Amino acid sequence: MSKRKLNRRQQWRIAKIQQEREARARKREESLAHAEDEGDLGPEQTGMVIANYGTQVLVESPAASEGEPGLRQRCHVRANIDTLVTGDRVAWRPSVGESTGGLGVVGARLPRHSELQRPDRYGDMKTVAANIDRILIVIAPYPEPFANAIDRYLVAAETTGIQPLLLLNKIDLIDESNRDSLQELLRPYPDLGYPILRLSTKTGEGLDDLLATLAEGTSVFVGQSGVGKSSLINGLLPSAGARTGALSEATQKGTHTTTAAELFHLPGGGDLIDSPGIREFGLWHMSEQELLEGFVEFRPFIGHCRFRDCRHQSEPGCAIQQALERGDISERRMDSYLHLRNSLENE
């Protein structure tokens, strides 16, 4: 489909907006250069972006000694720096004078060891958080979890190279009506290398295990609405002020409540990033090969089919189907793969 052609007035308006943006950027750079000349910026140091406000970011440097708070300051971002997100590590200079209005300056973004991305509304990949060590996929007895949804999150996590694990929240809601189905749903995952944590914020059961896991690096919660992500943050960090969305009694589905990406320091160690941009993963941007490799138990058999264009269904000499027949791949995971592949094609 060809792109829509802009009329003359639309072209003029776009050019005018771009000129205004460039003028603001030049003015900001001139102001920063003046601050440097006046000595209103302190020595360069490393820090981490703990919140993003569009054209400005909140940066925090490590404390000089244990028990003391680190230096935290809102900052301008140099025009030549790629987009910054929560979790980015940066080189920056704090404000020590009046010419910057109390704002520091980020001069460089340091290399990332991981990125969490999702497609934006135009189909381009957008990084929403950086330097994450762990993705916790939150599920709950209600709304009812499904294998396809869990596998969708796991595949998306695998493509990032970030360790995923499952967190079964609200275990106080487990009873005779759903216990067996939940056990059957989660049964395959530990053997695939996906640990399962079980937690109730109501009773406190499993909280120590969760805190011990979160203490190791930087984590994010993902999962469908209503599984209790904001309630978890309230329980872990009451001062964070995360608003809890009420679960609809009629539909058993929740609403998105967090409005800005922010990094929180946990009292027992470790960091937690909460952002609406990391709540849902879209898979339609993935290739079929990436989807296939996202199923970890498929990997030893990829590339061993008789035909290069094998669809892994009824073709002779299919290594994936042979693994399925031997029991190396479960029927349920194979069904999930085929379901997700079909959804990729449809999307």
Foldseek 3Di string as FASTA:
>chain_A
DDDDDDDPVVVVVVVVVVVVVVVVLVVVVVLVVVCVVVVQWADKDKWFFFFDDDQKTKTWDDDPDPPDGTDIFIAGERPPEDDDAGGWMFIWIFTRDPSVVRHIYTDYTDDFPWFQWAADPVRDIDTHHTNAAEEEEFDEPFVPDDLLQVLVVLLSCVLGVHHYAYEYEPCVPDDPVCVVVVCVSCVPPVVQVHYYFYAYLVVGPRVVVVLVVQQPAEYEYAYFAQRQPQVVCCSQPVPVPQDHFDQDPVPRGTDDGDDTWGWDATPSHHIYIYDPRRHDHDDLSDDLVSLQVSRPLSVVQPPQAPDPPDPQDPDPRRSNVVCCVVVSDDPVVVVSSVVVVVVSVVD
